[in-house]
Amino acid sequence: MSLRKLDNVEKLKISLSNVRELTADEAISEGLLPEDHFPKIDTYVHGKIQQTNCYVLIPRVEFDEFVNDLKNHKISNMSSTPYRNYIGVKTLMAMPEMKDGREGYKCMSSNGQEWWQDKESFEQTNRPSEALTFGIAVEAMKKGRKVARVGWNGKGMWLRHVEPYNDMGITDDQVDKVTDATLLPWIGMKTADNKFVPWLASQTDILAEDWVIVE
């Protein structure tokens, strides 16, 4: 395998695949680089260009620079790719772990898949489950989770997203007895005195970063 210049679309497709890090000697021993290759860069990234059967080798420094520019929205010539930016909400477990002298986290998803991620990129996209923003809490509720603020713990208080027709079994006939309008989803609160009522966020709630997923 010979090194070649990659465009940003190819680099993006590599960044979305499972890549592995190799030293120059490891790349040579696997036949990915010729023995007389020069200069010998310390580390490389080896990965597959998605939607192709092509595997490529790229210097780690060049790959990291591209990923950082992508995160900071410094890459503009991506019009030829169908990929878009997405923000997701997922729950995972992680613990600090050193790898090759670098700080990072050993991660495990809900289905048991494990991977390692460097400290900087992990902390840019994840935060402890007891320190969520209101926006993440809302997304979690839309996925069926219950949330609360840290100060509510022990009081049995939580919020959840309510779909009147699906969650409460309300029918159109029942609604028609009261109004001809359609019932929309809302956020309900389970109170400390065991009541369940509609809930309205305050400015403090919206700006807080102490939201937690209850279940």
C-alpha atoms as a PDB file:
ATOM      1  CA  MET A   1       0.000   0.000   0.000  1.00  0.00           C
ATOM      2  CA  SER A   2       1.312   3.433  -0.888  1.00  0.00           C
ATOM      3  CA  LEU A   3       0.359   6.699   0.774  1.00  0.00           C
ATOM      4  CA  ARG A   4      -1.630   9.081  -1.382  1.00  0.00           C
ATOM      5  CA  LYS A   5      -3.235  12.450  -0.929  1.00  0.00           C
ATOM      6  CA  LEU A   6      -6.803  12.113   0.395  1.00  0.00           C
ATOM      7  CA  ASP A   7      -9.552  14.674  -0.103  1.00  0.00           C
ATOM      8  CA  ASN A   8     -11.795  15.787   2.754  1.00  0.00           C
ATOM      9  CA  VAL A   9     -14.691  13.559   1.683  1.00  0.00           C
ATOM     10  CA  GLU A  10     -12.453  10.487   1.859  1.00  0.00           C
ATOM     11  CA  LYS A  11     -11.107  11.570   5.243  1.00  0.00           C
ATOM     12  CA  LEU A  12     -14.668  12.000   6.507  1.00  0.00           C
ATOM     13  CA  LYS A  13     -15.612   8.506   5.369  1.00  0.00           C
ATOM     14  CA  ILE A  14     -12.558   7.117   7.146  1.00  0.00           C
ATOM     15  CA  SER A  15     -13.390   9.017  10.353  1.00  0.00           C
ATOM     16  CA  LEU A  16     -16.851   7.392  10.384  1.00  0.00           C
ATOM     17  CA  SER A  17     -15.377   3.882  10.257  1.00  0.00           C
ATOM     18  CA  ASN A  18     -13.486   1.835  12.809  1.00  0.00           C
ATOM     19  CA  VAL A  19      -9.858   2.947  12.523  1.00  0.00           C
ATOM     20  CA  ARG A  20      -6.773   1.579  14.196  1.00  0.00           C
ATOM     21  CA  GLU A  21      -3.493   3.205  15.061  1.00  0.00           C
ATOM     22  CA  LEU A  22      -0.203   1.738  13.819  1.00  0.00           C
ATOM     23  CA  THR A  23       3.425   2.660  14.234  1.00  0.00           C
ATOM     24  CA  ALA A  24       5.581   2.870  11.100  1.00  0.00           C
ATOM     25  CA  ASP A  25       7.265  -0.434  11.969  1.00  0.00           C
ATOM     26  CA  GLU A  26       3.897  -2.144  12.464  1.00  0.00           C
ATOM     27  CA  ALA A  27       2.661  -0.795   9.115  1.00  0.00           C
ATOM     28  CA  ILE A  28       5.791  -2.108   7.418  1.00  0.00           C
ATOM     29  CA  SER A  29       5.512  -5.534   9.086  1.00  0.00           C
ATOM     30  CA  GLU A  30       1.900  -5.821   7.865  1.00  0.00           C
ATOM     31  CA  GLY A  31       2.916  -4.877   4.334  1.00  0.00           C
ATOM     32  CA  LEU A  32       1.058  -1.586   4.421  1.00  0.00           C
ATOM     33  CA  LEU A  33       4.271   0.360   3.805  1.00  0.00           C
ATOM     34  CA  PRO A  34       7.409  -0.667   1.888  1.00  0.00           C
ATOM     35  CA  GLU A  35      10.480  -1.364   4.019  1.00  0.00           C
ATOM     36  CA  ASP A  36      12.346   1.528   2.418  1.00  0.00           C
ATOM     37  CA  HIS A  37       9.513   4.006   3.036  1.00  0.00           C
ATOM     38  CA  PHE A  38      10.783   7.416   4.089  1.00  0.00           C
ATOM     39  CA  PRO A  39      10.216   9.492   6.107  1.00  0.00           C
ATOM     40  CA  LYS A  40       8.989   7.187   8.863  1.00  0.00           C
ATOM     41  CA  ILE A  41       6.256   9.111  10.646  1.00  0.00           C
ATOM     42  CA  ASP A  42       5.697   7.986  14.244  1.00  0.00           C
ATOM     43  CA  THR A  43       2.091   6.799  13.933  1.00  0.00           C
ATOM     44  CA  TYR A  44      -0.509   6.227  11.248  1.00  0.00           C
ATOM     45  CA  VAL A  45      -4.258   5.647  11.111  1.00  0.00           C
ATOM     46  CA  HIS A  46      -5.458   2.687   9.039  1.00  0.00           C
ATOM     47  CA  GLY A  47      -9.117   2.609   8.043  1.00  0.00           C
ATOM     48  CA  LYS A  48     -11.670   1.882   5.368  1.00  0.00           C
ATOM     49  CA  ILE A  49     -13.207   4.527   3.137  1.00  0.00           C
ATOM     50  CA  GLN A  50     -16.902   3.896   3.725  1.00  0.00           C
ATOM     51  CA  GLN A  51     -19.027   2.804   0.734  1.00  0.00           C
ATOM     52  CA  THR A  52     -15.875   1.385  -0.902  1.00  0.00           C
ATOM     53  CA  ASN A  53     -13.590  -1.616  -0.410  1.00  0.00           C
ATOM     54  CA  CYS A  54     -10.563   0.642  -0.172  1.00  0.00           C
ATOM     55  CA  TYR A  55      -8.373   0.698   2.944  1.00  0.00           C
ATOM     56  CA  VAL A  56      -5.901   3.550   3.329  1.00  0.00           C
ATOM     57  CA  LEU A  57      -3.119   4.659   5.603  1.00  0.00           C
ATOM     58  CA  ILE A  58      -2.931   8.274   6.747  1.00  0.00           C
ATOM     59  CA  PRO A  59      -0.467   9.975   9.136  1.00  0.00           C
ATOM     60  CA  ARG A  60      -2.012  10.317  12.582  1.00  0.00           C
ATOM     61  CA  VAL A  61      -1.152  14.022  12.777  1.00  0.00           C
ATOM     62  CA  GLU A  62      -2.950  14.722   9.492  1.00  0.00           C
ATOM     63  CA  PHE A  63      -5.976  12.661  10.550  1.00  0.00           C
ATOM     64  CA  ASP A  64      -6.261  14.371  13.962  1.00  0.00           C
ATOM     65  CA  GLU A  65      -5.941  17.794  12.345  1.00  0.00           C
ATOM     66  CA  PHE A  66      -8.818  16.992   9.989  1.00  0.00           C
ATOM     67  CA  VAL A  67     -11.058  15.677  12.802  1.00  0.00           C
ATOM     68  CA  ASN A  68     -10.384  18.782  14.933  1.00  0.00           C
ATOM     69  CA  ASP A  69     -11.108  21.100  11.996  1.00  0.00           C
ATOM     70  CA  LEU A  70     -14.333  19.183  11.361  1.00  0.00           C
ATOM     71  CA  LYS A  71     -15.431  19.573  14.989  1.00  0.00           C
ATOM     72  CA  ASN A  72     -14.643  23.278  14.912  1.00  0.00           C
ATOM     73  CA  HIS A  73     -16.526  23.749  11.616  1.00  0.00           C
ATOM     74  CA  LYS A  74     -13.391  24.825   9.766  1.00  0.00           C
ATOM     75  CA  ILE A  75     -14.037  22.418   6.874  1.00  0.00           C
ATOM     76  CA  SER A  76     -16.158  24.047   4.197  1.00  0.00           C
ATOM     77  CA  ASN A  77     -15.520  22.053   0.994  1.00  0.00           C
ATOM     78  CA  MET A  78     -17.736  19.079   1.926  1.00  0.00           C
ATOM     79  CA  SER A  79     -20.542  19.712  -0.561  1.00  0.00           C
ATOM     80  CA  SER A  80     -19.929  16.460  -2.419  1.00  0.00           C
ATOM     81  CA  THR A  81     -20.714  14.282   0.605  1.00  0.00           C
ATOM     82  CA  PRO A  82     -24.246  13.225   1.647  1.00  0.00           C
ATOM     83  CA  TYR A  83     -23.318  13.306   5.346  1.00  0.00           C
ATOM     84  CA  ARG A  84     -24.877  15.858   7.702  1.00  0.00           C
ATOM     85  CA  ASN A  85     -24.150  16.899  11.272  1.00  0.00           C
ATOM     86  CA  TYR A  86     -26.214  15.082  13.893  1.00  0.00           C
ATOM     87  CA  ILE A  87     -26.541  15.430  17.653  1.00  0.00           C
ATOM     88  CA  GLY A  88     -27.599  12.295  19.504  1.00  0.00           C
ATOM     89  CA  VAL A  89     -28.540  11.317  23.029  1.00  0.00           C
ATOM     90  CA  LYS A  90     -27.242   7.994  24.273  1.00  0.00           C
ATOM     91  CA  THR A  91     -26.414   6.458  27.626  1.00  0.00           C
ATOM     92  CA  LEU A  92     -23.087   4.716  28.093  1.00  0.00           C
ATOM     93  CA  MET A  93     -20.724   3.713  30.870  1.00  0.00           C
ATOM     94  CA  ALA A  94     -17.112   4.872  30.908  1.00  0.00           C
ATOM     95  CA  MET A  95     -14.063   4.807  33.147  1.00  0.00           C
ATOM     96  CA  PRO A  96     -10.724   6.661  32.847  1.00  0.00           C
ATOM     97  CA  GLU A  97      -8.018   4.549  31.225  1.00  0.00           C
ATOM     98  CA  MET A  98      -4.544   5.279  29.900  1.00  0.00           C
ATOM     99  CA  LYS A  99      -3.593   3.885  26.498  1.00  0.00           C
ATOM    100  CA  ASP A 100      -0.141   4.230  24.941  1.00  0.00           C
ATOM    101  CA  GLY A 101       0.612   7.052  27.363  1.00  0.00           C
ATOM    102  CA  ARG A 102      -2.540   8.984  26.415  1.00  0.00           C
ATOM    103  CA  GLU A 103      -5.433   9.868  28.725  1.00  0.00           C
ATOM    104  CA  GLY A 104      -8.803   8.575  27.705  1.00  0.00           C
ATOM    105  CA  TYR A 105     -11.843   6.524  28.621  1.00  0.00           C
ATOM    106  CA  LYS A 106     -12.772   2.882  28.244  1.00  0.00           C
ATOM    107  CA  CYS A 107     -16.410   2.968  27.125  1.00  0.00           C
ATOM    108  CA  MET A 108     -19.201   0.398  27.026  1.00  0.00           C
ATOM    109  CA  SER A 109     -22.561   0.809  25.293  1.00  0.00           C
ATOM    110  CA  SER A 110     -25.886  -0.604  26.490  1.00  0.00           C
ATOM    111  CA  ASN A 111     -25.446  -3.599  24.174  1.00  0.00           C
ATOM    112  CA  GLY A 112     -22.013  -4.436  25.603  1.00  0.00           C
ATOM    113  CA  GLN A 113     -19.856  -2.998  22.809  1.00  0.00           C
ATOM    114  CA  GLU A 114     -16.556  -1.652  24.141  1.00  0.00           C
ATOM    115  CA  TRP A 115     -14.150   0.936  22.738  1.00  0.00           C
ATOM    116  CA  TRP A 116     -11.491   3.415  23.851  1.00  0.00           C
ATOM    117  CA  GLN A 117     -11.728   7.162  23.225  1.00  0.00           C
ATOM    118  CA  ASP A 118      -9.214   9.898  23.930  1.00  0.00           C
ATOM    119  CA  LYS A 119     -10.009  12.267  26.810  1.00  0.00           C
ATOM    120  CA  GLU A 120     -10.483  15.467  24.787  1.00  0.00           C
ATOM    121  CA  SER A 121     -12.915  14.101  22.197  1.00  0.00           C
ATOM    122  CA  PHE A 122     -14.840  12.092  24.825  1.00  0.00           C
ATOM    123  CA  GLU A 123     -15.388  15.063  27.123  1.00  0.00           C
ATOM    124  CA  GLN A 124     -16.455  17.267  24.196  1.00  0.00           C
ATOM    125  CA  THR A 125     -19.370  14.934  23.405  1.00  0.00           C
ATOM    126  CA  ASN A 126     -20.232  13.345  26.764  1.00  0.00           C
ATOM    127  CA  ARG A 127     -20.921  14.533  30.281  1.00  0.00           C
ATOM    128  CA  PRO A 128     -21.651  12.692  33.556  1.00  0.00           C
ATOM    129  CA  SER A 129     -25.270  11.569  33.828  1.00  0.00           C
ATOM    130  CA  GLU A 130     -25.727  13.699  36.953  1.00  0.00           C
ATOM    131  CA  ALA A 131     -24.735  16.886  35.113  1.00  0.00           C
ATOM    132  CA  LEU A 132     -26.998  17.073  32.071  1.00  0.00           C
ATOM    133  CA  THR A 133     -28.292  20.229  30.415  1.00  0.00           C
ATOM    134  CA  PHE A 134     -32.010  20.846  30.079  1.00  0.00           C
ATOM    135  CA  GLY A 135     -31.794  20.255  26.331  1.00  0.00           C
ATOM    136  CA  ILE A 136     -30.374  16.765  26.851  1.00  0.00           C
ATOM    137  CA  ALA A 137     -33.014  16.108  29.524  1.00  0.00           C
ATOM    138  CA  VAL A 138     -35.777  16.999  27.039  1.00  0.00           C
ATOM    139  CA  GLU A 139     -34.311  14.674  24.400  1.00  0.00           C
ATOM    140  CA  ALA A 140     -34.111  11.907  27.004  1.00  0.00           C
ATOM    141  CA  MET A 141     -37.776  12.419  27.907  1.00  0.00           C
ATOM    142  CA  LYS A 142     -38.755  12.173  24.241  1.00  0.00           C
ATOM    143  CA  LYS A 143     -37.046   8.779  24.218  1.00  0.00           C
ATOM    144  CA  GLY A 144     -39.197   7.612  27.128  1.00  0.00           C
ATOM    145  CA  ARG A 145     -36.855   8.370  30.048  1.00  0.00           C
ATOM    146  CA  LYS A 146     -37.780  10.091  33.307  1.00  0.00           C
ATOM    147  CA  VAL A 147     -35.591  12.996  34.448  1.00  0.00           C
ATOM    148  CA  ALA A 148     -35.138  15.137  37.524  1.00  0.00           C
ATOM    149  CA  ARG A 149     -32.832  17.784  38.951  1.00  0.00           C
ATOM    150  CA  VAL A 150     -30.237  16.712  41.515  1.00  0.00           C
ATOM    151  CA  GLY A 151     -31.960  18.758  44.230  1.00  0.00           C
ATOM    152  CA  TRP A 152     -35.140  16.743  43.737  1.00  0.00           C
ATOM    153  CA  ASN A 153     -33.527  13.418  44.644  1.00  0.00           C
ATOM    154  CA  GLY A 154     -35.098  11.701  47.615  1.00  0.00           C
ATOM    155  CA  LYS A 155     -38.362  13.566  47.141  1.00  0.00           C
ATOM    156  CA  GLY A 156     -39.699  11.199  44.513  1.00  0.00           C
ATOM    157  CA  MET A 157     -40.091  14.011  42.001  1.00  0.00           C
ATOM    158  CA  TRP A 158     -39.495  13.515  38.285  1.00  0.00           C
ATOM    159  CA  LEU A 159     -40.625  14.636  34.838  1.00  0.00           C
ATOM    160  CA  ARG A 160     -41.693  12.668  31.818  1.00  0.00           C
ATOM    161  CA  HIS A 161     -42.930  13.337  28.294  1.00  0.00           C
ATOM    162  CA  VAL A 162     -46.620  12.483  27.931  1.00  0.00           C
ATOM    163  CA  GLU A 163     -48.342  11.411  24.723  1.00  0.00           C
ATOM    164  CA  PRO A 164     -52.064  11.692  25.608  1.00  0.00           C
ATOM    165  CA  TYR A 165     -53.331   9.164  23.071  1.00  0.00           C
ATOM    166  CA  ASN A 166     -50.561   6.570  23.532  1.00  0.00           C
ATOM    167  CA  ASP A 167     -49.597   6.936  27.197  1.00  0.00           C
ATOM    168  CA  MET A 168     -52.985   7.753  28.728  1.00  0.00           C
ATOM    169  CA  GLY A 169     -55.257   5.746  26.446  1.00  0.00           C
ATOM    170  CA  ILE A 170     -57.365   8.771  25.583  1.00  0.00           C
ATOM    171  CA  THR A 171     -59.589   8.287  22.519  1.00  0.00           C
ATOM    172  CA  ASP A 172     -60.916  10.783  19.985  1.00  0.00           C
ATOM    173  CA  ASP A 173     -64.454  10.161  21.276  1.00  0.00           C
ATOM    174  CA  GLN A 174     -63.413  11.165  24.796  1.00  0.00           C
ATOM    175  CA  VAL A 175     -61.699  14.300  23.510  1.00  0.00           C
ATOM    176  CA  ASP A 176     -64.716  15.258  21.375  1.00  0.00           C
ATOM    177  CA  LYS A 177     -66.851  15.513  24.524  1.00  0.00           C
ATOM    178  CA  VAL A 178     -64.664  18.398  25.655  1.00  0.00           C
ATOM    179  CA  THR A 179     -63.182  19.964  22.504  1.00  0.00           C
ATOM    180  CA  ASP A 180     -62.776  19.389  18.797  1.00  0.00           C
ATOM    181  CA  ALA A 181     -59.050  20.176  19.071  1.00  0.00           C
ATOM    182  CA  THR A 182     -56.206  17.645  18.995  1.00  0.00           C
ATOM    183  CA  LEU A 183     -54.390  16.910  22.248  1.00  0.00           C
ATOM    184  CA  LEU A 184     -50.671  17.601  21.994  1.00  0.00           C
ATOM    185  CA  PRO A 185     -47.781  16.062  23.977  1.00  0.00           C
ATOM    186  CA  TRP A 186     -46.783  17.746  27.229  1.00  0.00           C
ATOM    187  CA  ILE A 187     -44.336  17.400  30.119  1.00  0.00           C
ATOM    188  CA  GLY A 188     -45.785  16.115  33.374  1.00  0.00           C
ATOM    189  CA  MET A 189     -44.307  16.174  36.878  1.00  0.00           C
ATOM    190  CA  LYS A 190     -44.696  13.536  39.563  1.00  0.00           C
ATOM    191  CA  THR A 191     -44.767  15.697  42.703  1.00  0.00           C
ATOM    192  CA  ALA A 192     -43.444  15.007  46.205  1.00  0.00           C
ATOM    193  CA  ASP A 193     -47.034  14.511  47.479  1.00  0.00           C
ATOM    194  CA  ASN A 194     -47.675  11.856  44.794  1.00  0.00           C
ATOM    195  CA  LYS A 195     -49.606  13.997  42.316  1.00  0.00           C
ATOM    196  CA  PHE A 196     -49.008  14.094  38.551  1.00  0.00           C
ATOM    197  CA  VAL A 197     -49.477  17.540  37.040  1.00  0.00           C
ATOM    198  CA  PRO A 198     -48.480  19.549  33.935  1.00  0.00           C
ATOM    199  CA  TRP A 199     -45.087  21.188  34.445  1.00  0.00           C
ATOM    200  CA  LEU A 200     -43.647  24.484  33.201  1.00  0.00           C
ATOM    201  CA  ALA A 201     -39.886  25.144  33.221  1.00  0.00           C
ATOM    202  CA  SER A 202     -38.463  28.228  34.912  1.00  0.00           C
ATOM    203  CA  GLN A 203     -35.428  30.142  33.639  1.00  0.00           C
ATOM    204  CA  THR A 204     -33.400  28.475  36.390  1.00  0.00           C
ATOM    205  CA  ASP A 205     -34.525  25.013  35.237  1.00  0.00           C
ATOM    206  CA  ILE A 206     -33.690  25.770  31.601  1.00  0.00           C
ATOM    207  CA  LEU A 207     -30.167  27.014  32.373  1.00  0.00           C
ATOM    208  CA  ALA A 208     -29.353  24.380  35.021  1.00  0.00           C
ATOM    209  CA  GLU A 209     -26.739  21.709  34.356  1.00  0.00           C
ATOM    210  CA  ASP A 210     -27.723  19.333  37.149  1.00  0.00           C
ATOM    211  CA  TRP A 211     -30.353  17.268  35.363  1.00  0.00           C
ATOM    212  CA  VAL A 212     -30.218  13.493  35.797  1.00  0.00           C
ATOM    213  CA  ILE A 213     -31.928  10.536  34.140  1.00  0.00           C
ATOM    214  CA  VAL A 214     -34.005   8.772  36.786  1.00  0.00           C
ATOM    215  CA  GLU A 215     -34.933   5.700  34.727  1.00  0.00           C
END
